[in-house]
Amino acid sequence: MKTITTLAAGAALGLWGATAQAADDVTLQLKWVTQAQFAGYYVALDKGFYEEEDLNVTIKPGGPDIAPTQVLAGGGADVTVEWMPAALAAREKGLGMVNIAQPFKSSGMMLTCRKDAGVTSTDDFADKTLGVWFFGNEFPFLSWMSKLDIATDGSDGGVTVLKQGFNVDPLLQGQAACVSTMTYNEYWQVIDAGLTPDDLTVFKYEDQGVATLEDGLYALEENLADPAFEDKMVRFVRASMKGWKYAEANPDEAAEIVLDNDASGAQTEKHQKRMMGEIAKLTAGSNGALDPADYERTVASLLSGGSDPVISKAPEGAWTHAITDKALN
């Protein structure tokens, strides 16, 4: 009888232990395909930082046909990587997206121009065709042109806006004098195509005072009201920032981890290592907590984005320090 009781107690203890150790599931939706732009999350997964926080994290790559805001709205993810213009636009339309952390301190967005197209300064934009990404990415550009007092309707002295796809062909084929690029991606496509830095004039949005926040972490307001969900996000952000700081310090290893997680096999070692080096410059200086001044700058830029701004009024409740205050202390 004593043996049976002991065995039963042992089995119960084992069952309790298994239950206590069960990790909480978290699904992260990326803004784009698997690449070093998201290295911190893959590093956190690979190095066991999420496991240390009792989290079972699934990372879902994005792509041209995947809108992170829609995935979040449909319950396909607990948290998503998104640019603030898209998140604030979605919030104004009724989707309660909240910025819970901001791993990227700086913007990587640029306008890259050919000198042989006659562009060496902003004074040369007049009567040129400029390639611009849309779907919310055009608003920093429109705000910049407004600041320069340059019309974007193709009129004399203004610029003609070319809706640019996710490549740099318009610049290479002479269809545009300038195209949108990121410091860590499309700019290097231009270089790999045969142009040199001396052939180009580059304008960083950060330097023009119109940069908006990129690659923040967003969750739904209604979910954050649940203490259990909030606790998961605290642990997720803490592990993710540990991953980001490791990636900054070990860029080549981080790039290799990204390549190991690229199911498509489309990425190359050269490009990912180069990308990670540039990404580390954008995450440097951030501990994960959103800088309110950066937020206010973003909102001001969006509100001044021409005649059809992405948001019509300053948002309320669009960000919180509640998660990072707990995660970083």
Protein backbone atom coordinates (compact mmCIF):
# COMPACT_ATOMS: atom_id res chain seq x y z
CA MET A 1 0.00 0.00 0.00
CA LYS A 2 2.83 2.32 0.87
CA THR A 3 4.50 1.62 -2.49
CA ILE A 4 1.33 2.36 -4.44
CA THR A 5 0.81 5.60 -2.53
CA THR A 6 4.39 6.67 -3.17
CA LEU A 7 4.10 5.88 -6.87
CA ALA A 8 0.83 7.76 -7.11
CA ALA A 9 2.32 10.75 -5.34
CA GLY A 10 5.35 10.63 -7.60
CA ALA A 11 3.15 10.48 -10.69
CA ALA A 12 1.10 13.43 -9.46
CA LEU A 13 4.27 15.38 -8.75
CA GLY A 14 5.58 14.61 -12.22
CA LEU A 15 2.31 15.72 -13.79
CA TRP A 16 2.39 18.95 -11.78
CA GLY A 17 5.99 19.54 -12.83
CA ALA A 18 5.17 19.05 -16.50
CA THR A 19 2.24 21.44 -16.21
CA ALA A 20 4.30 24.05 -14.36
CA GLN A 21 7.00 23.94 -17.00
CA ALA A 22 4.67 24.28 -19.99
CA ALA A 23 5.82 27.27 -22.03
CA ASP A 24 3.46 30.04 -23.10
CA ASP A 25 2.90 30.29 -26.86
CA VAL A 26 3.66 33.56 -28.62
CA THR A 27 3.34 34.15 -32.37
CA LEU A 28 5.32 36.99 -33.93
CA GLN A 29 4.42 38.31 -37.40
CA LEU A 30 7.31 39.94 -39.27
CA LYS A 31 6.88 42.87 -41.64
CA TRP A 32 8.89 41.24 -44.42
CA VAL A 33 10.62 38.01 -45.41
CA THR A 34 13.23 36.29 -43.27
CA GLN A 35 16.32 38.52 -43.34
CA ALA A 36 18.75 40.27 -41.00
CA GLN A 37 16.23 43.09 -40.54
CA PHE A 38 14.67 40.73 -37.96
CA ALA A 39 17.86 39.12 -36.68
CA GLY A 40 17.20 39.87 -33.01
CA TYR A 41 14.15 37.62 -32.94
CA TYR A 42 15.86 34.74 -34.69
CA VAL A 43 18.87 35.09 -32.39
CA ALA A 44 16.61 35.05 -29.32
CA LEU A 45 15.01 31.87 -30.65
CA ASP A 46 18.30 30.20 -31.58
CA LYS A 47 20.11 31.10 -28.36
CA GLY A 48 17.28 29.93 -26.13
CA PHE A 49 16.45 33.40 -24.78
CA TYR A 50 12.73 32.81 -25.32
CA GLU A 51 12.97 29.39 -23.74
CA GLU A 52 14.61 30.96 -20.68
CA GLU A 53 11.49 33.11 -20.35
CA ASP A 54 9.21 30.04 -20.62
CA LEU A 55 8.03 31.07 -24.06
CA ASN A 56 7.39 28.96 -27.14
CA VAL A 57 7.78 31.53 -29.90
CA THR A 58 6.70 31.02 -33.51
CA ILE A 59 8.10 33.54 -36.02
CA LYS A 60 5.99 34.05 -39.14
CA PRO A 61 7.78 35.67 -42.11
CA GLY A 62 6.02 38.39 -44.03
CA GLY A 63 6.00 39.20 -47.73
CA PRO A 64 4.47 41.43 -50.40
CA ASP A 65 1.02 39.87 -49.93
CA ILE A 66 1.06 39.89 -46.12
CA ALA A 67 -0.13 42.92 -44.14
CA PRO A 68 1.02 42.63 -40.50
CA THR A 69 -1.86 44.81 -39.31
CA GLN A 70 -4.38 42.45 -40.89
CA VAL A 71 -2.69 39.39 -39.43
CA LEU A 72 -2.82 40.98 -35.98
CA ALA A 73 -6.45 42.02 -36.44
CA GLY A 74 -7.43 38.50 -37.49
CA GLY A 75 -5.78 36.86 -34.49
CA GLY A 76 -3.03 35.27 -36.56
CA ALA A 77 -0.34 36.76 -34.33
CA ASP A 78 0.03 38.04 -30.77
CA VAL A 79 2.57 40.70 -31.70
CA THR A 80 3.83 42.11 -34.97
CA VAL A 81 6.74 44.10 -36.36
CA GLU A 82 5.39 47.17 -38.14
CA TRP A 83 6.34 50.70 -39.16
CA MET A 84 4.62 53.36 -37.11
CA PRO A 85 2.82 55.10 -40.03
CA ALA A 86 0.94 51.90 -40.85
CA ALA A 87 0.23 51.19 -37.19
CA LEU A 88 -1.13 54.68 -36.49
CA ALA A 89 -3.21 54.61 -39.66
CA ALA A 90 -4.73 51.29 -38.59
CA ARG A 91 -5.38 52.64 -35.10
CA GLU A 92 -7.23 55.66 -36.48
CA LYS A 93 -9.41 53.26 -38.48
CA GLY A 94 -10.35 51.36 -35.33
CA LEU A 95 -7.69 48.68 -34.84
CA GLY A 96 -6.26 49.17 -31.34
CA MET A 97 -2.59 48.69 -32.16
CA VAL A 98 -0.22 49.76 -29.39
CA ASN A 99 3.54 50.14 -29.62
CA ILE A 100 4.93 48.06 -26.74
CA ALA A 101 8.62 48.33 -27.66
CA GLN A 102 10.86 50.09 -30.19
CA PRO A 103 14.04 48.10 -30.96
CA PHE A 104 14.93 50.40 -33.89
CA LYS A 105 16.17 53.80 -32.74
CA SER A 106 17.00 55.20 -36.19
CA SER A 107 15.41 55.12 -39.64
CA GLY A 108 17.06 53.30 -42.53
CA MET A 109 14.98 55.00 -45.21
CA MET A 110 16.77 56.95 -47.96
CA LEU A 111 16.28 58.47 -51.39
CA THR A 112 19.11 57.31 -53.64
CA CYS A 113 19.77 59.38 -56.77
CA ARG A 114 22.03 59.20 -59.80
CA LYS A 115 24.42 62.12 -60.20
CA ASP A 116 24.33 61.65 -63.96
CA ALA A 117 20.57 62.36 -63.76
CA GLY A 118 21.47 65.79 -62.47
CA VAL A 119 20.82 65.34 -58.75
CA THR A 120 23.48 66.44 -56.29
CA SER A 121 21.30 68.39 -53.84
CA THR A 122 17.63 68.86 -52.98
CA ASP A 123 17.62 71.92 -55.23
CA ASP A 124 17.91 69.53 -58.18
CA PHE A 125 14.65 67.68 -57.46
CA ALA A 126 12.61 70.12 -59.55
CA ASP A 127 11.13 68.53 -62.68
CA LYS A 128 12.61 65.13 -61.84
CA THR A 129 10.85 61.77 -61.48
CA LEU A 130 11.32 60.23 -58.05
CA GLY A 131 10.48 56.64 -57.13
CA VAL A 132 8.47 56.34 -53.92
CA TRP A 133 7.08 53.37 -52.01
CA PHE A 134 3.40 53.64 -51.12
CA PHE A 135 1.09 51.76 -48.69
CA GLY A 136 1.98 54.24 -45.93
CA ASN A 137 5.66 54.52 -46.80
CA GLU A 138 5.03 57.59 -48.96
CA PHE A 139 4.13 59.88 -46.09
CA PRO A 140 7.65 60.72 -44.90
CA PHE A 141 8.43 61.59 -48.52
CA LEU A 142 5.36 63.81 -48.90
CA SER A 143 6.17 65.52 -45.61
CA TRP A 144 9.72 66.15 -46.83
CA MET A 145 8.54 67.62 -50.13
CA SER A 146 6.08 69.82 -48.24
CA LYS A 147 8.93 71.02 -46.03
CA LEU A 148 10.94 71.85 -49.18
CA ASP A 149 7.88 73.53 -50.74
CA ILE A 150 8.06 71.22 -53.76
CA ALA A 151 4.83 70.14 -55.46
CA THR A 152 4.36 66.39 -56.06
CA ASP A 153 1.79 66.60 -58.85
CA GLY A 154 4.23 66.72 -61.74
CA SER A 155 3.68 70.43 -62.35
CA ASP A 156 6.47 72.73 -63.52
CA GLY A 157 9.10 73.06 -60.84
CA GLY A 158 7.65 70.14 -58.92
CA VAL A 159 8.40 66.43 -59.00
CA THR A 160 6.69 63.52 -60.69
CA VAL A 161 6.11 60.66 -58.26
CA LEU A 162 6.61 57.15 -59.60
CA LYS A 163 4.94 54.44 -57.55
CA GLN A 164 7.91 52.20 -56.97
CA GLY A 165 7.82 48.43 -56.55
CA PHE A 166 10.14 46.55 -54.22
CA ASN A 167 13.17 46.86 -56.48
CA VAL A 168 15.49 49.54 -57.86
CA ASP A 169 14.85 48.96 -61.57
CA PRO A 170 13.52 52.51 -62.22
CA LEU A 171 16.90 53.94 -61.20
CA LEU A 172 18.92 51.37 -63.13
CA GLN A 173 16.78 51.72 -66.27
CA GLY A 174 16.65 55.52 -66.24
CA GLN A 175 12.94 55.75 -65.47
CA ALA A 176 13.58 57.82 -62.35
CA ALA A 177 16.37 60.10 -61.16
CA CYS A 178 15.96 58.82 -57.61
CA VAL A 179 14.37 55.81 -55.90
CA SER A 180 13.47 54.83 -52.36
CA THR A 181 16.01 52.57 -50.68
CA MET A 182 16.84 51.26 -47.23
CA THR A 183 20.37 51.60 -45.89
CA TYR A 184 20.48 47.85 -45.31
CA ASN A 185 18.84 46.50 -48.46
CA GLU A 186 17.92 48.24 -51.72
CA TYR A 187 20.89 50.63 -51.64
CA TRP A 188 23.16 47.60 -51.91
CA GLN A 189 21.10 46.27 -54.83
CA VAL A 190 22.08 49.47 -56.63
CA ILE A 191 25.74 48.92 -55.78
CA ASP A 192 25.62 45.24 -56.77
CA ALA A 193 24.11 46.28 -60.11
CA GLY A 194 27.32 48.12 -60.97
CA LEU A 195 26.93 51.69 -59.77
CA THR A 196 29.43 53.01 -57.22
CA PRO A 197 28.90 55.28 -54.22
CA ASP A 198 30.61 58.05 -56.23
CA ASP A 199 27.90 57.69 -58.88
CA LEU A 200 25.18 58.39 -56.33
CA THR A 201 23.76 61.14 -54.16
CA VAL A 202 22.06 59.77 -51.06
CA PHE A 203 19.54 61.60 -48.86
CA LYS A 204 18.79 59.95 -45.52
CA TYR A 205 15.36 60.78 -44.17
CA GLU A 206 16.89 60.89 -40.70
CA ASP A 207 19.13 63.76 -41.82
CA GLN A 208 16.18 65.60 -43.41
CA GLY A 209 14.23 65.66 -40.13
CA VAL A 210 11.25 63.75 -41.55
CA ALA A 211 12.10 60.17 -40.59
CA THR A 212 9.34 58.08 -39.01
CA LEU A 213 9.80 55.17 -36.63
CA GLU A 214 10.32 51.76 -38.20
CA ASP A 215 10.16 48.16 -36.98
CA GLY A 216 8.41 48.64 -33.66
CA LEU A 217 6.62 45.85 -31.81
CA TYR A 218 2.82 46.18 -31.69
CA ALA A 219 0.09 44.30 -29.85
CA LEU A 220 -3.65 44.86 -29.54
CA GLU A 221 -4.94 47.09 -26.75
CA GLU A 222 -7.67 44.64 -25.82
CA ASN A 223 -5.13 41.84 -25.34
CA LEU A 224 -2.84 44.01 -23.23
CA ALA A 225 -5.71 44.49 -20.77
CA ASP A 226 -5.27 40.82 -19.82
CA PRO A 227 -2.57 40.55 -17.09
CA ALA A 228 -1.52 37.10 -18.33
CA PHE A 229 -1.01 38.40 -21.87
CA GLU A 230 0.83 41.45 -20.58
CA ASP A 231 3.18 39.17 -18.65
CA LYS A 232 3.87 37.18 -21.82
CA MET A 233 4.73 40.37 -23.67
CA VAL A 234 7.06 41.50 -20.87
CA ARG A 235 8.98 38.24 -21.16
CA PHE A 236 8.88 38.35 -24.95
CA VAL A 237 10.29 41.89 -25.12
CA ARG A 238 12.98 41.11 -22.55
CA ALA A 239 14.17 38.07 -24.52
CA SER A 240 13.88 39.87 -27.86
CA MET A 241 16.02 42.79 -26.72
CA LYS A 242 18.58 40.33 -25.40
CA GLY A 243 18.57 38.85 -28.90
CA TRP A 244 18.98 42.26 -30.51
CA LYS A 245 21.92 43.25 -28.34
CA TYR A 246 23.59 39.91 -29.02
CA ALA A 247 23.06 40.46 -32.75
CA GLU A 248 24.59 43.94 -32.53
CA ALA A 249 27.68 42.55 -30.80
CA ASN A 250 27.95 39.48 -33.05
CA PRO A 251 26.70 40.59 -36.49
CA ASP A 252 28.26 37.79 -38.56
CA GLU A 253 26.93 35.08 -36.26
CA ALA A 254 23.52 36.75 -36.24
CA ALA A 255 23.49 36.74 -40.05
CA GLU A 256 24.33 33.03 -40.07
CA ILE A 257 21.43 32.36 -37.71
CA VAL A 258 19.11 34.25 -40.06
CA LEU A 259 20.33 32.16 -42.99
CA ASP A 260 19.69 28.98 -41.01
CA ASN A 261 16.07 30.09 -40.57
CA ASP A 262 15.50 31.14 -44.19
CA ALA A 263 13.28 28.34 -45.48
CA SER A 264 13.14 29.97 -48.92
CA GLY A 265 16.88 29.74 -49.42
CA ALA A 266 16.71 33.06 -51.28
CA GLN A 267 19.15 34.97 -49.10
CA THR A 268 22.93 35.01 -49.57
CA GLU A 269 25.62 35.10 -46.90
CA LYS A 270 27.22 38.23 -48.37
CA HIS A 271 23.99 40.20 -48.43
CA GLN A 272 22.83 39.11 -44.97
CA LYS A 273 26.14 39.89 -43.29
CA ARG A 274 26.21 43.28 -44.95
CA MET A 275 22.58 43.86 -43.98
CA MET A 276 23.21 42.91 -40.36
CA GLY A 277 26.07 45.39 -40.17
CA GLU A 278 23.72 48.17 -41.29
CA ILE A 279 20.84 47.01 -39.08
CA ALA A 280 23.11 47.14 -36.03
CA LYS A 281 23.50 50.88 -36.66
CA LEU A 282 19.73 51.33 -36.49
CA THR A 283 19.16 49.36 -33.28
CA ALA A 284 22.18 50.93 -31.56
CA GLY A 285 21.12 53.32 -28.81
CA SER A 286 17.80 51.60 -28.13
CA ASN A 287 17.14 49.49 -25.05
CA GLY A 288 13.70 48.69 -26.42
CA ALA A 289 11.78 51.53 -24.78
CA LEU A 290 10.10 54.01 -27.14
CA ASP A 291 11.54 57.52 -26.95
CA PRO A 292 8.52 59.86 -26.68
CA ALA A 293 10.40 62.53 -28.66
CA ASP A 294 10.85 60.10 -31.55
CA TYR A 295 7.14 59.31 -31.37
CA GLU A 296 6.17 62.99 -31.44
CA ARG A 297 8.48 63.58 -34.41
CA THR A 298 6.81 60.72 -36.27
CA VAL A 299 3.32 62.00 -35.55
CA ALA A 300 4.26 65.53 -36.64
CA SER A 301 5.69 64.17 -39.89
CA LEU A 302 2.56 62.15 -40.62
CA LEU A 303 0.22 65.02 -39.88
CA SER A 304 2.08 67.28 -42.30
CA GLY A 305 2.25 64.79 -45.17
CA GLY A 306 0.62 66.89 -47.88
CA SER A 307 -3.09 67.26 -48.61
CA ASP A 308 -3.96 63.68 -47.66
CA PRO A 309 -2.10 62.87 -44.42
CA VAL A 310 -1.98 59.29 -43.14
CA ILE A 311 -3.62 60.37 -39.87
CA SER A 312 -6.02 63.26 -39.35
CA LYS A 313 -5.31 63.95 -35.68
CA ALA A 314 -2.75 63.16 -32.98
CA PRO A 315 -3.41 59.62 -31.67
CA GLU A 316 -4.14 58.79 -28.05
CA GLY A 317 -2.97 55.62 -26.29
CA ALA A 318 -0.89 54.50 -29.29
CA TRP A 319 2.13 53.51 -27.21
CA THR A 320 2.99 52.34 -23.72
CA HIS A 321 6.03 51.95 -21.49
CA ALA A 322 4.18 49.42 -19.31
CA ILE A 323 5.86 46.47 -21.02
CA THR A 324 9.40 47.82 -21.30
CA ASP A 325 9.35 49.25 -17.76
CA LYS A 326 8.84 45.72 -16.44
CA ALA A 327 10.99 43.98 -19.04
CA LEU A 328 14.05 46.17 -18.54
CA ASN A 329 13.99 46.44 -14.73
